[in-house]
Amino acid sequence: MFLHFSGNDGKLMVIYKQVLRSGTSVSANVHESEFAQSPSDFISKLHIALKEANETMNWLNLLHDTDILSEKEFESMTSDCNELIALLVSSIKTVKKNNNKERMNGEEDSEQ
């Protein structure tokens, strides 16, 4: 679902641009995480993507609360956004858990 801009929406252009920036930043940061230099860097990039998804949700709520988005548009976009947020949270937790296991295994190996 896309936000539609018409010439009469000049005052809303700022908000539309914010949705575009934060929304596309999620994808950019996830893509960038693929080439992270370390597990910490990977987690950091996913955290940035998570923050951008949360910001996108904020702008969508504002557009809905001011009746710019219909209920159907809002539900569709927020459903997608919530799904992305859930995936990012799960990915971050998994990487942290796996990273901690590797640290623990490394400590056990060095003790032997």
PDB file of N, CA and C in Angstrom:
ATOM      1  N   MET A   1       0.855  -1.171   0.000  1.00  0.00           N
ATOM      2  CA  MET A   1       0.000   0.000   0.000  1.00  0.00           C
ATOM      3  C   MET A   1       0.904   1.238   0.000  1.00  0.00           C
ATOM      4  N   PHE A   2       0.572   2.208  -0.784  1.00  0.00           N
ATOM      5  CA  PHE A   2       1.372   3.415  -0.892  1.00  0.00           C
ATOM      6  C   PHE A   2       0.579   4.632  -0.425  1.00  0.00           C
ATOM      7  N   LEU A   3       1.312   5.618   0.055  1.00  0.00           N
ATOM      8  CA  LEU A   3       0.694   6.905   0.365  1.00  0.00           C
ATOM      9  C   LEU A   3       0.569   7.673  -0.938  1.00  0.00           C
ATOM     10  N   HIS A   4      -0.590   8.201  -1.173  1.00  0.00           N
ATOM     11  CA  HIS A   4      -0.816   8.953  -2.407  1.00  0.00           C
ATOM     12  C   HIS A   4      -0.712  10.442  -2.108  1.00  0.00           C
ATOM     13  N   PHE A   5       0.041  11.125  -2.934  1.00  0.00           N
ATOM     14  CA  PHE A   5       0.256  12.557  -2.759  1.00  0.00           C
ATOM     15  C   PHE A   5      -0.434  13.301  -3.889  1.00  0.00           C
ATOM     16  N   SER A   6      -1.217  14.299  -3.530  1.00  0.00           N
ATOM     17  CA  SER A   6      -1.815  15.159  -4.544  1.00  0.00           C
ATOM     18  C   SER A   6      -1.360  16.588  -4.286  1.00  0.00           C
ATOM     19  N   GLY A   7      -1.515  17.420  -5.242  1.00  0.00           N
ATOM     20  CA  GLY A   7      -1.057  18.803  -5.142  1.00  0.00           C
ATOM     21  C   GLY A   7      -1.636  19.554  -3.957  1.00  0.00           C
ATOM     22  N   ASN A   8      -2.783  19.147  -3.453  1.00  0.00           N
ATOM     23  CA  ASN A   8      -3.430  19.823  -2.332  1.00  0.00           C
ATOM     24  C   ASN A   8      -2.831  19.435  -0.977  1.00  0.00           C
ATOM     25  N   ASP A   9      -1.911  18.501  -0.991  1.00  0.00           N
ATOM     26  CA  ASP A   9      -1.361  17.972   0.250  1.00  0.00           C
ATOM     27  C   ASP A   9      -0.009  18.591   0.607  1.00  0.00           C
ATOM     28  N   GLY A  10       0.263  19.789   0.187  1.00  0.00           N
ATOM     29  CA  GLY A  10       1.563  20.409   0.410  1.00  0.00           C
ATOM     30  C   GLY A  10       2.021  20.387   1.856  1.00  0.00           C
ATOM     31  N   LYS A  11       1.120  20.642   2.782  1.00  0.00           N
ATOM     32  CA  LYS A  11       1.480  20.648   4.199  1.00  0.00           C
ATOM     33  C   LYS A  11       1.821  19.255   4.706  1.00  0.00           C
ATOM     34  N   LEU A  12       1.270  18.253   4.041  1.00  0.00           N
ATOM     35  CA  LEU A  12       1.521  16.877   4.463  1.00  0.00           C
ATOM     36  C   LEU A  12       2.787  16.291   3.845  1.00  0.00           C
ATOM     37  N   MET A  13       3.342  16.987   2.875  1.00  0.00           N
ATOM     38  CA  MET A  13       4.529  16.475   2.183  1.00  0.00           C
ATOM     39  C   MET A  13       5.659  16.166   3.162  1.00  0.00           C
ATOM     40  N   VAL A  14       5.816  16.977   4.189  1.00  0.00           N
ATOM     41  CA  VAL A  14       6.875  16.755   5.178  1.00  0.00           C
ATOM     42  C   VAL A  14       6.675  15.399   5.858  1.00  0.00           C
ATOM     43  N   ILE A  15       5.458  15.101   6.236  1.00  0.00           N
ATOM     44  CA  ILE A  15       5.171  13.824   6.902  1.00  0.00           C
ATOM     45  C   ILE A  15       5.326  12.667   5.926  1.00  0.00           C
ATOM     46  N   TYR A  16       4.852  12.832   4.712  1.00  0.00           N
ATOM     47  CA  TYR A  16       5.019  11.787   3.702  1.00  0.00           C
ATOM     48  C   TYR A  16       6.501  11.473   3.503  1.00  0.00           C
ATOM     49  N   LYS A  17       7.315  12.509   3.437  1.00  0.00           N
ATOM     50  CA  LYS A  17       8.757  12.304   3.255  1.00  0.00           C
ATOM     51  C   LYS A  17       9.366  11.583   4.457  1.00  0.00           C
ATOM     52  N   GLN A  18       8.874  11.887   5.650  1.00  0.00           N
ATOM     53  CA  GLN A  18       9.379  11.206   6.849  1.00  0.00           C
ATOM     54  C   GLN A  18       9.029   9.719   6.806  1.00  0.00           C
ATOM     55  N   VAL A  19       7.808   9.399   6.381  1.00  0.00           N
ATOM     56  CA  VAL A  19       7.408   7.994   6.242  1.00  0.00           C
ATOM     57  C   VAL A  19       8.313   7.308   5.221  1.00  0.00           C
ATOM     58  N   LEU A  20       8.553   7.982   4.123  1.00  0.00           N
ATOM     59  CA  LEU A  20       9.422   7.427   3.080  1.00  0.00           C
ATOM     60  C   LEU A  20      10.834   7.205   3.605  1.00  0.00           C
ATOM     61  N   ARG A  21      11.385   8.187   4.303  1.00  0.00           N
ATOM     62  CA  ARG A  21      12.752   8.073   4.830  1.00  0.00           C
ATOM     63  C   ARG A  21      12.874   6.953   5.848  1.00  0.00           C
ATOM     64  N   SER A  22      12.005   6.969   6.847  1.00  0.00           N
ATOM     65  CA  SER A  22      12.115   5.957   7.906  1.00  0.00           C
ATOM     66  C   SER A  22      11.769   4.569   7.363  1.00  0.00           C
ATOM     67  N   GLY A  23      10.779   4.500   6.504  1.00  0.00           N
ATOM     68  CA  GLY A  23      10.380   3.205   5.946  1.00  0.00           C
ATOM     69  C   GLY A  23      11.452   2.573   5.083  1.00  0.00           C
ATOM     70  N   THR A  24      12.091   3.366   4.246  1.00  0.00           N
ATOM     71  CA  THR A  24      13.145   2.807   3.385  1.00  0.00           C
ATOM     72  C   THR A  24      14.436   2.590   4.155  1.00  0.00           C
ATOM     73  N   SER A  25      14.618   3.292   5.252  1.00  0.00           N
ATOM     74  CA  SER A  25      15.803   3.103   6.076  1.00  0.00           C
ATOM     75  C   SER A  25      15.829   1.719   6.708  1.00  0.00           C
ATOM     76  N   VAL A  26      14.649   1.167   6.995  1.00  0.00           N
ATOM     77  CA  VAL A  26      14.577  -0.187   7.554  1.00  0.00           C
ATOM     78  C   VAL A  26      15.264  -1.154   6.590  1.00  0.00           C
ATOM     79  N   SER A  27      14.852  -1.112   5.347  1.00  0.00           N
ATOM     80  CA  SER A  27      15.419  -1.999   4.333  1.00  0.00           C
ATOM     81  C   SER A  27      16.915  -1.758   4.146  1.00  0.00           C
ATOM     82  N   ALA A  28      17.305  -0.506   4.105  1.00  0.00           N
ATOM     83  CA  ALA A  28      18.724  -0.178   3.899  1.00  0.00           C
ATOM     84  C   ALA A  28      19.595  -0.724   5.027  1.00  0.00           C
ATOM     85  N   ASN A  29      19.132  -0.590   6.266  1.00  0.00           N
ATOM     86  CA  ASN A  29      19.919  -1.066   7.407  1.00  0.00           C
ATOM     87  C   ASN A  29      19.951  -2.587   7.496  1.00  0.00           C
ATOM     88  N   VAL A  30      18.856  -3.240   7.165  1.00  0.00           N
ATOM     89  CA  VAL A  30      18.854  -4.704   7.143  1.00  0.00           C
ATOM     90  C   VAL A  30      19.818  -5.187   6.057  1.00  0.00           C
ATOM     91  N   HIS A  31      19.764  -4.562   4.897  1.00  0.00           N
ATOM     92  CA  HIS A  31      20.660  -4.938   3.812  1.00  0.00           C
ATOM     93  C   HIS A  31      22.122  -4.701   4.211  1.00  0.00           C
ATOM     94  N   GLU A  32      22.392  -3.593   4.833  1.00  0.00           N
ATOM     95  CA  GLU A  32      23.749  -3.274   5.271  1.00  0.00           C
ATOM     96  C   GLU A  32      24.237  -4.265   6.327  1.00  0.00           C
ATOM     97  N   SER A  33      23.340  -4.784   7.149  1.00  0.00           N
ATOM     98  CA  SER A  33      23.729  -5.733   8.202  1.00  0.00           C
ATOM     99  C   SER A  33      24.302  -7.028   7.620  1.00  0.00           C
ATOM    100  N   GLU A  34      23.948  -7.330   6.382  1.00  0.00           N
ATOM    101  CA  GLU A  34      24.455  -8.545   5.743  1.00  0.00           C
ATOM    102  C   GLU A  34      25.980  -8.541   5.645  1.00  0.00           C
ATOM    103  N   PHE A  35      26.573  -7.369   5.631  1.00  0.00           N
ATOM    104  CA  PHE A  35      28.020  -7.250   5.520  1.00  0.00           C
ATOM    105  C   PHE A  35      28.629  -6.634   6.774  1.00  0.00           C
ATOM    106  N   ALA A  36      27.998  -6.910   7.907  1.00  0.00           N
ATOM    107  CA  ALA A  36      28.491  -6.389   9.181  1.00  0.00           C
ATOM    108  C   ALA A  36      29.887  -6.947   9.454  1.00  0.00           C
ATOM    109  N   GLN A  37      30.676  -6.156  10.156  1.00  0.00           N
ATOM    110  CA  GLN A  37      32.057  -6.540  10.434  1.00  0.00           C
ATOM    111  C   GLN A  37      32.182  -7.442  11.651  1.00  0.00           C
ATOM    112  N   SER A  38      31.140  -7.517  12.450  1.00  0.00           N
ATOM    113  CA  SER A  38      31.172  -8.335  13.666  1.00  0.00           C
ATOM    114  C   SER A  38      29.734  -8.582  14.105  1.00  0.00           C
ATOM    115  N   PRO A  39      29.547  -9.537  15.021  1.00  0.00           N
ATOM    116  CA  PRO A  39      28.190  -9.731  15.549  1.00  0.00           C
ATOM    117  C   PRO A  39      27.632  -8.459  16.195  1.00  0.00           C
ATOM    118  N   SER A  40      28.487  -7.697  16.864  1.00  0.00           N
ATOM    119  CA  SER A  40      28.019  -6.444  17.482  1.00  0.00           C
ATOM    120  C   SER A  40      27.574  -5.443  16.432  1.00  0.00           C
ATOM    121  N   ASP A  41      28.304  -5.367  15.337  1.00  0.00           N
ATOM    122  CA  ASP A  41      27.943  -4.467  14.240  1.00  0.00           C
ATOM    123  C   ASP A  41      26.615  -4.915  13.619  1.00  0.00           C
ATOM    124  N   PHE A  42      26.450  -6.226  13.455  1.00  0.00           N
ATOM    125  CA  PHE A  42      25.209  -6.781  12.911  1.00  0.00           C
ATOM    126  C   PHE A  42      24.022  -6.393  13.791  1.00  0.00           C
ATOM    127  N   ILE A  43      24.179  -6.590  15.094  1.00  0.00           N
ATOM    128  CA  ILE A  43      23.123  -6.244  16.050  1.00  0.00           C
ATOM    129  C   ILE A  43      22.824  -4.747  16.007  1.00  0.00           C
ATOM    130  N   SER A  44      23.869  -3.946  15.920  1.00  0.00           N
ATOM    131  CA  SER A  44      23.697  -2.492  15.876  1.00  0.00           C
ATOM    132  C   SER A  44      22.878  -2.066  14.664  1.00  0.00           C
ATOM    133  N   LYS A  45      23.167  -2.647  13.519  1.00  0.00           N
ATOM    134  CA  LYS A  45      22.433  -2.283  12.298  1.00  0.00           C
ATOM    135  C   LYS A  45      20.971  -2.723  12.390  1.00  0.00           C
ATOM    136  N   LEU A  46      20.732  -3.901  12.987  1.00  0.00           N
ATOM    137  CA  LEU A  46      19.346  -4.342  13.163  1.00  0.00           C
ATOM    138  C   LEU A  46      18.612  -3.455  14.159  1.00  0.00           C
ATOM    139  N   HIS A  47      19.322  -2.988  15.189  1.00  0.00           N
ATOM    140  CA  HIS A  47      18.704  -2.055  16.152  1.00  0.00           C
ATOM    141  C   HIS A  47      18.310  -0.748  15.458  1.00  0.00           C
ATOM    142  N   ILE A  48      19.160  -0.262  14.578  1.00  0.00           N
ATOM    143  CA  ILE A  48      18.837   0.954  13.831  1.00  0.00           C
ATOM    144  C   ILE A  48      17.597   0.712  12.976  1.00  0.00           C
ATOM    145  N   ALA A  49      17.536  -0.436  12.303  1.00  0.00           N
ATOM    146  CA  ALA A  49      16.362  -0.777  11.488  1.00  0.00           C
ATOM    147  C   ALA A  49      15.108  -0.832  12.361  1.00  0.00           C
ATOM    148  N   LEU A  50      15.242  -1.390  13.556  1.00  0.00           N
ATOM    149  CA  LEU A  50      14.113  -1.476  14.486  1.00  0.00           C
ATOM    150  C   LEU A  50      13.635  -0.083  14.892  1.00  0.00           C
ATOM    151  N   LYS A  51      14.572   0.801  15.182  1.00  0.00           N
ATOM    152  CA  LYS A  51      14.205   2.173  15.549  1.00  0.00           C
ATOM    153  C   LYS A  51      13.509   2.878  14.388  1.00  0.00           C
ATOM    154  N   GLU A  52      13.969   2.640  13.176  1.00  0.00           N
ATOM    155  CA  GLU A  52      13.347   3.261  12.003  1.00  0.00           C
ATOM    156  C   GLU A  52      11.944   2.701  11.767  1.00  0.00           C
ATOM    157  N   ALA A  53      11.760   1.406  12.005  1.00  0.00           N
ATOM    158  CA  ALA A  53      10.418   0.813  11.873  1.00  0.00           C
ATOM    159  C   ALA A  53       9.479   1.415  12.912  1.00  0.00           C
ATOM    160  N   ASN A  54       9.981   1.607  14.118  1.00  0.00           N
ATOM    161  CA  ASN A  54       9.181   2.226  15.169  1.00  0.00           C
ATOM    162  C   ASN A  54       8.831   3.670  14.801  1.00  0.00           C
ATOM    163  N   GLU A  55       9.777   4.392  14.214  1.00  0.00           N
ATOM    164  CA  GLU A  55       9.489   5.766  13.770  1.00  0.00           C
ATOM    165  C   GLU A  55       8.428   5.764  12.677  1.00  0.00           C
ATOM    166  N   THR A  56       8.532   4.815  11.764  1.00  0.00           N
ATOM    167  CA  THR A  56       7.535   4.708  10.697  1.00  0.00           C
ATOM    168  C   THR A  56       6.150   4.494  11.294  1.00  0.00           C
ATOM    169  N   MET A  57       6.085   3.640  12.322  1.00  0.00           N
ATOM    170  CA  MET A  57       4.808   3.398  12.996  1.00  0.00           C
ATOM    171  C   MET A  57       4.257   4.694  13.592  1.00  0.00           C
ATOM    172  N   ASN A  58       5.134   5.505  14.156  1.00  0.00           N
ATOM    173  CA  ASN A  58       4.720   6.792  14.714  1.00  0.00           C
ATOM    174  C   ASN A  58       4.075   7.669  13.646  1.00  0.00           C
ATOM    175  N   TRP A  59       4.716   7.774  12.483  1.00  0.00           N
ATOM    176  CA  TRP A  59       4.179   8.618  11.409  1.00  0.00           C
ATOM    177  C   TRP A  59       2.864   8.054  10.889  1.00  0.00           C
ATOM    178  N   LEU A  60       2.764   6.739  10.784  1.00  0.00           N
ATOM    179  CA  LEU A  60       1.507   6.131  10.334  1.00  0.00           C
ATOM    180  C   LEU A  60       0.376   6.412  11.327  1.00  0.00           C
ATOM    181  N   ASN A  61       0.686   6.325  12.611  1.00  0.00           N
ATOM    182  CA  ASN A  61      -0.322   6.655  13.628  1.00  0.00           C
ATOM    183  C   ASN A  61      -0.775   8.100  13.505  1.00  0.00           C
ATOM    184  N   LEU A  62       0.166   8.991  13.268  1.00  0.00           N
ATOM    185  CA  LEU A  62      -0.182  10.409  13.105  1.00  0.00           C
ATOM    186  C   LEU A  62      -1.087  10.607  11.887  1.00  0.00           C
ATOM    187  N   LEU A  63      -0.747   9.969  10.782  1.00  0.00           N
ATOM    188  CA  LEU A  63      -1.566  10.090   9.578  1.00  0.00           C
ATOM    189  C   LEU A  63      -2.960   9.493   9.791  1.00  0.00           C
ATOM    190  N   HIS A  64      -3.040   8.445  10.553  1.00  0.00           N
ATOM    191  CA  HIS A  64      -4.340   7.834  10.851  1.00  0.00           C
ATOM    192  C   HIS A  64      -5.154   8.705  11.801  1.00  0.00           C
ATOM    193  N   ASP A  65      -4.493   9.191  12.843  1.00  0.00           N
ATOM    194  CA  ASP A  65      -5.190  10.008  13.848  1.00  0.00           C
ATOM    195  C   ASP A  65      -5.738  11.310  13.268  1.00  0.00           C
ATOM    196  N   THR A  66      -5.142  11.773  12.194  1.00  0.00           N
ATOM    197  CA  THR A  66      -5.605  13.006  11.551  1.00  0.00           C
ATOM    198  C   THR A  66      -6.475  12.708  10.321  1.00  0.00           C
ATOM    199  N   ASP A  67      -6.913  11.462  10.209  1.00  0.00           N
ATOM    200  CA  ASP A  67      -7.808  11.013   9.141  1.00  0.00           C
ATOM    201  C   ASP A  67      -7.230  11.156   7.735  1.00  0.00           C
ATOM    202  N   ILE A  68      -5.921  11.123   7.634  1.00  0.00           N
ATOM    203  CA  ILE A  68      -5.284  11.141   6.308  1.00  0.00           C
ATOM    204  C   ILE A  68      -5.300   9.734   5.727  1.00  0.00           C
ATOM    205  N   LEU A  69      -5.053   8.739   6.580  1.00  0.00           N
ATOM    206  CA  LEU A  69      -5.119   7.338   6.152  1.00  0.00           C
ATOM    207  C   LEU A  69      -6.481   6.767   6.519  1.00  0.00           C
ATOM    208  N   SER A  70      -7.049   6.014   5.614  1.00  0.00           N
ATOM    209  CA  SER A  70      -8.292   5.313   5.927  1.00  0.00           C
ATOM    210  C   SER A  70      -7.965   4.170   6.895  1.00  0.00           C
ATOM    211  N   GLU A  71      -8.990   3.631   7.493  1.00  0.00           N
ATOM    212  CA  GLU A  71      -8.802   2.508   8.421  1.00  0.00           C
ATOM    213  C   GLU A  71      -8.152   1.326   7.704  1.00  0.00           C
ATOM    214  N   LYS A  72      -8.586   1.059   6.482  1.00  0.00           N
ATOM    215  CA  LYS A  72      -8.045  -0.056   5.701  1.00  0.00           C
ATOM    216  C   LYS A  72      -6.565   0.166   5.389  1.00  0.00           C
ATOM    217  N   GLU A  73      -6.219   1.368   4.947  1.00  0.00           N
ATOM    218  CA  GLU A  73      -4.816   1.675   4.652  1.00  0.00           C
ATOM    219  C   GLU A  73      -3.958   1.559   5.913  1.00  0.00           C
ATOM    220  N   PHE A  74      -4.464   2.136   6.999  1.00  0.00           N
ATOM    221  CA  PHE A  74      -3.739   2.109   8.267  1.00  0.00           C
ATOM    222  C   PHE A  74      -3.507   0.681   8.739  1.00  0.00           C
ATOM    223  N   GLU A  75      -4.547  -0.128   8.717  1.00  0.00           N
ATOM    224  CA  GLU A  75      -4.416  -1.514   9.178  1.00  0.00           C
ATOM    225  C   GLU A  75      -3.427  -2.292   8.327  1.00  0.00           C
ATOM    226  N   SER A  76      -3.458  -2.091   7.027  1.00  0.00           N
ATOM    227  CA  SER A  76      -2.534  -2.786   6.131  1.00  0.00           C
ATOM    228  C   SER A  76      -1.080  -2.384   6.414  1.00  0.00           C
ATOM    229  N   MET A  77      -0.855  -1.083   6.491  1.00  0.00           N
ATOM    230  CA  MET A  77       0.514  -0.591   6.698  1.00  0.00           C
ATOM    231  C   MET A  77       1.042  -0.928   8.086  1.00  0.00           C
ATOM    232  N   THR A  78       0.200  -0.790   9.100  1.00  0.00           N
ATOM    233  CA  THR A  78       0.675  -1.088  10.454  1.00  0.00           C
ATOM    234  C   THR A  78       0.863  -2.590  10.652  1.00  0.00           C
ATOM    235  N   SER A  79       0.075  -3.386   9.971  1.00  0.00           N
ATOM    236  CA  SER A  79       0.265  -4.838  10.031  1.00  0.00           C
ATOM    237  C   SER A  79       1.646  -5.199   9.475  1.00  0.00           C
ATOM    238  N   ASP A  80       1.980  -4.632   8.334  1.00  0.00           N
ATOM    239  CA  ASP A  80       3.304  -4.864   7.735  1.00  0.00           C
ATOM    240  C   ASP A  80       4.412  -4.363   8.656  1.00  0.00           C
ATOM    241  N   CYS A  81       4.221  -3.191   9.203  1.00  0.00           N
ATOM    242  CA  CYS A  81       5.224  -2.589  10.075  1.00  0.00           C
ATOM    243  C   CYS A  81       5.406  -3.419  11.344  1.00  0.00           C
ATOM    244  N   ASN A  82       4.299  -3.862  11.932  1.00  0.00           N
ATOM    245  CA  ASN A  82       4.379  -4.703  13.131  1.00  0.00           C
ATOM    246  C   ASN A  82       5.076  -6.028  12.837  1.00  0.00           C
ATOM    247  N   GLU A  83       4.839  -6.569  11.660  1.00  0.00           N
ATOM    248  CA  GLU A  83       5.507  -7.811  11.269  1.00  0.00           C
ATOM    249  C   GLU A  83       7.014  -7.595  11.155  1.00  0.00           C
ATOM    250  N   LEU A  84       7.406  -6.494  10.553  1.00  0.00           N
ATOM    251  CA  LEU A  84       8.841  -6.168  10.462  1.00  0.00           C
ATOM    252  C   LEU A  84       9.457  -5.991  11.848  1.00  0.00           C
ATOM    253  N   ILE A  85       8.750  -5.288  12.719  1.00  0.00           N
ATOM    254  CA  ILE A  85       9.246  -5.067  14.077  1.00  0.00           C
ATOM    255  C   ILE A  85       9.430  -6.412  14.789  1.00  0.00           C
ATOM    256  N   ALA A  86       8.451  -7.293  14.670  1.00  0.00           N
ATOM    257  CA  ALA A  86       8.547  -8.607  15.313  1.00  0.00           C
ATOM    258  C   ALA A  86       9.725  -9.407  14.758  1.00  0.00           C
ATOM    259  N   LEU A  87       9.927  -9.373  13.453  1.00  0.00           N
ATOM    260  CA  LEU A  87      11.053 -10.076  12.839  1.00  0.00           C
ATOM    261  C   LEU A  87      12.387  -9.515  13.314  1.00  0.00           C
ATOM    262  N   LEU A  88      12.474  -8.206  13.392  1.00  0.00           N
ATOM    263  CA  LEU A  88      13.723  -7.573  13.838  1.00  0.00           C
ATOM    264  C   LEU A  88      14.018  -7.890  15.297  1.00  0.00           C
ATOM    265  N   VAL A  89      12.998  -7.808  16.150  1.00  0.00           N
ATOM    266  CA  VAL A  89      13.188  -8.124  17.572  1.00  0.00           C
ATOM    267  C   VAL A  89      13.644  -9.571  17.721  1.00  0.00           C
ATOM    268  N   SER A  90      12.989 -10.474  17.006  1.00  0.00           N
ATOM    269  CA  SER A  90      13.349 -11.889  17.075  1.00  0.00           C
ATOM    270  C   SER A  90      14.778 -12.125  16.577  1.00  0.00           C
ATOM    271  N   SER A  91      15.139 -11.481  15.483  1.00  0.00           N
ATOM    272  CA  SER A  91      16.490 -11.627  14.929  1.00  0.00           C
ATOM    273  C   SER A  91      17.546 -11.116  15.902  1.00  0.00           C
ATOM    274  N   ILE A  92      17.285  -9.977  16.502  1.00  0.00           N
ATOM    275  CA  ILE A  92      18.235  -9.398  17.467  1.00  0.00           C
ATOM    276  C   ILE A  92      18.401 -10.336  18.663  1.00  0.00           C
ATOM    277  N   LYS A  93      17.299 -10.853  19.178  1.00  0.00           N
ATOM    278  CA  LYS A  93      17.369 -11.773  20.321  1.00  0.00           C
ATOM    279  C   LYS A  93      18.146 -13.036  19.959  1.00  0.00           C
ATOM    280  N   THR A  94      17.892 -13.576  18.783  1.00  0.00           N
ATOM    281  CA  THR A  94      18.582 -14.800  18.349  1.00  0.00           C
ATOM    282  C   THR A  94      20.075 -14.571  18.212  1.00  0.00           C
ATOM    283  N   VAL A  95      20.451 -13.472  17.592  1.00  0.00           N
ATOM    284  CA  VAL A  95      21.883 -13.187  17.414  1.00  0.00           C
ATOM    285  C   VAL A  95      22.553 -12.980  18.766  1.00  0.00           C
ATOM    286  N   LYS A  96      21.906 -12.259  19.663  1.00  0.00           N
ATOM    287  CA  LYS A  96      22.480 -12.046  20.994  1.00  0.00           C
ATOM    288  C   LYS A  96      22.649 -13.372  21.727  1.00  0.00           C
ATOM    289  N   LYS A  97      21.628 -14.229  21.640  1.00  0.00           N
ATOM    290  CA  LYS A  97      21.680 -15.530  22.306  1.00  0.00           C
ATOM    291  C   LYS A  97      22.819 -16.376  21.733  1.00  0.00           C
ATOM    292  N   ASN A  98      22.898 -16.430  20.411  1.00  0.00           N
ATOM    293  CA  ASN A  98      23.963 -17.209  19.768  1.00  0.00           C
ATOM    294  C   ASN A  98      25.340 -16.633  20.061  1.00  0.00           C
ATOM    295  N   ASN A  99      25.432 -15.322  20.106  1.00  0.00           N
ATOM    296  CA  ASN A  99      26.687 -14.658  20.408  1.00  0.00           C
ATOM    297  C   ASN A  99      27.136 -14.989  21.831  1.00  0.00           C
ATOM    298  N   ASN A 100      26.193 -15.009  22.772  1.00  0.00           N
ATOM    299  CA  ASN A 100      26.517 -15.358  24.160  1.00  0.00           C
ATOM    300  C   ASN A 100      26.961 -16.812  24.275  1.00  0.00           C
ATOM    301  N   LYS A 101      26.316 -17.709  23.514  1.00  0.00           N
ATOM    302  CA  LYS A 101      26.719 -19.121  23.527  1.00  0.00           C
ATOM    303  C   LYS A 101      28.149 -19.277  23.017  1.00  0.00           C
ATOM    304  N   GLU A 102      28.468 -18.558  21.934  1.00  0.00           N
ATOM    305  CA  GLU A 102      29.823 -18.627  21.377  1.00  0.00           C
ATOM    306  C   GLU A 102      30.848 -18.123  22.376  1.00  0.00           C
ATOM    307  N   ARG A 103      30.512 -17.065  23.085  1.00  0.00           N
ATOM    308  CA  ARG A 103      31.424 -16.545  24.114  1.00  0.00           C
ATOM    309  C   ARG A 103      31.639 -17.570  25.217  1.00  0.00           C
ATOM    310  N   MET A 104      30.538 -18.185  25.640  1.00  0.00           N
ATOM    311  CA  MET A 104      30.626 -19.188  26.704  1.00  0.00           C
ATOM    312  C   MET A 104      31.455 -20.389  26.244  1.00  0.00           C
ATOM    313  N   ASN A 105      31.257 -20.838  25.019  1.00  0.00           N
ATOM    314  CA  ASN A 105      32.035 -21.954  24.488  1.00  0.00           C
ATOM    315  C   ASN A 105      33.504 -21.580  24.353  1.00  0.00           C
ATOM    316  N   GLY A 106      33.771 -20.357  23.977  1.00  0.00           N
ATOM    317  CA  GLY A 106      35.157 -19.877  23.874  1.00  0.00           C
ATOM    318  C   GLY A 106      35.841 -19.853  25.218  1.00  0.00           C
ATOM    319  N   GLU A 107      35.112 -19.460  26.247  1.00  0.00           N
ATOM    320  CA  GLU A 107      35.676 -19.438  27.599  1.00  0.00           C
ATOM    321  C   GLU A 107      35.942 -20.843  28.083  1.00  0.00           C
ATOM    322  N   GLU A 108      35.048 -21.787  27.770  1.00  0.00           N
ATOM    323  CA  GLU A 108      35.243 -23.180  28.189  1.00  0.00           C
ATOM    324  C   GLU A 108      36.450 -23.777  27.482  1.00  0.00           C
ATOM    325  N   ASP A 109      36.608 -23.471  26.173  1.00  0.00           N
ATOM    326  CA  ASP A 109      37.739 -23.986  25.416  1.00  0.00           C
ATOM    327  C   ASP A 109      39.049 -23.458  25.964  1.00  0.00           C
ATOM    328  N   SER A 110      39.085 -22.193  26.363  1.00  0.00           N
ATOM    329  CA  SER A 110      40.339 -21.599  26.854  1.00  0.00           C
ATOM    330  C   SER A 110      40.702 -22.102  28.248  1.00  0.00           C
ATOM    331  N   GLU A 111      39.719 -22.619  28.995  1.00  0.00           N
ATOM    332  CA  GLU A 111      39.974 -23.132  30.335  1.00  0.00           C
ATOM    333  C   GLU A 111      40.552 -24.534  30.275  1.00  0.00           C
ATOM    334  N   GLN A 112      40.378 -25.243  29.166  1.00  0.00           N
ATOM    335  CA  GLN A 112      40.838 -26.627  29.074  1.00  0.00           C
ATOM    336  C   GLN A 112      42.229 -26.745  28.630  1.00  0.00           C
TER     337      GLN A 112
END
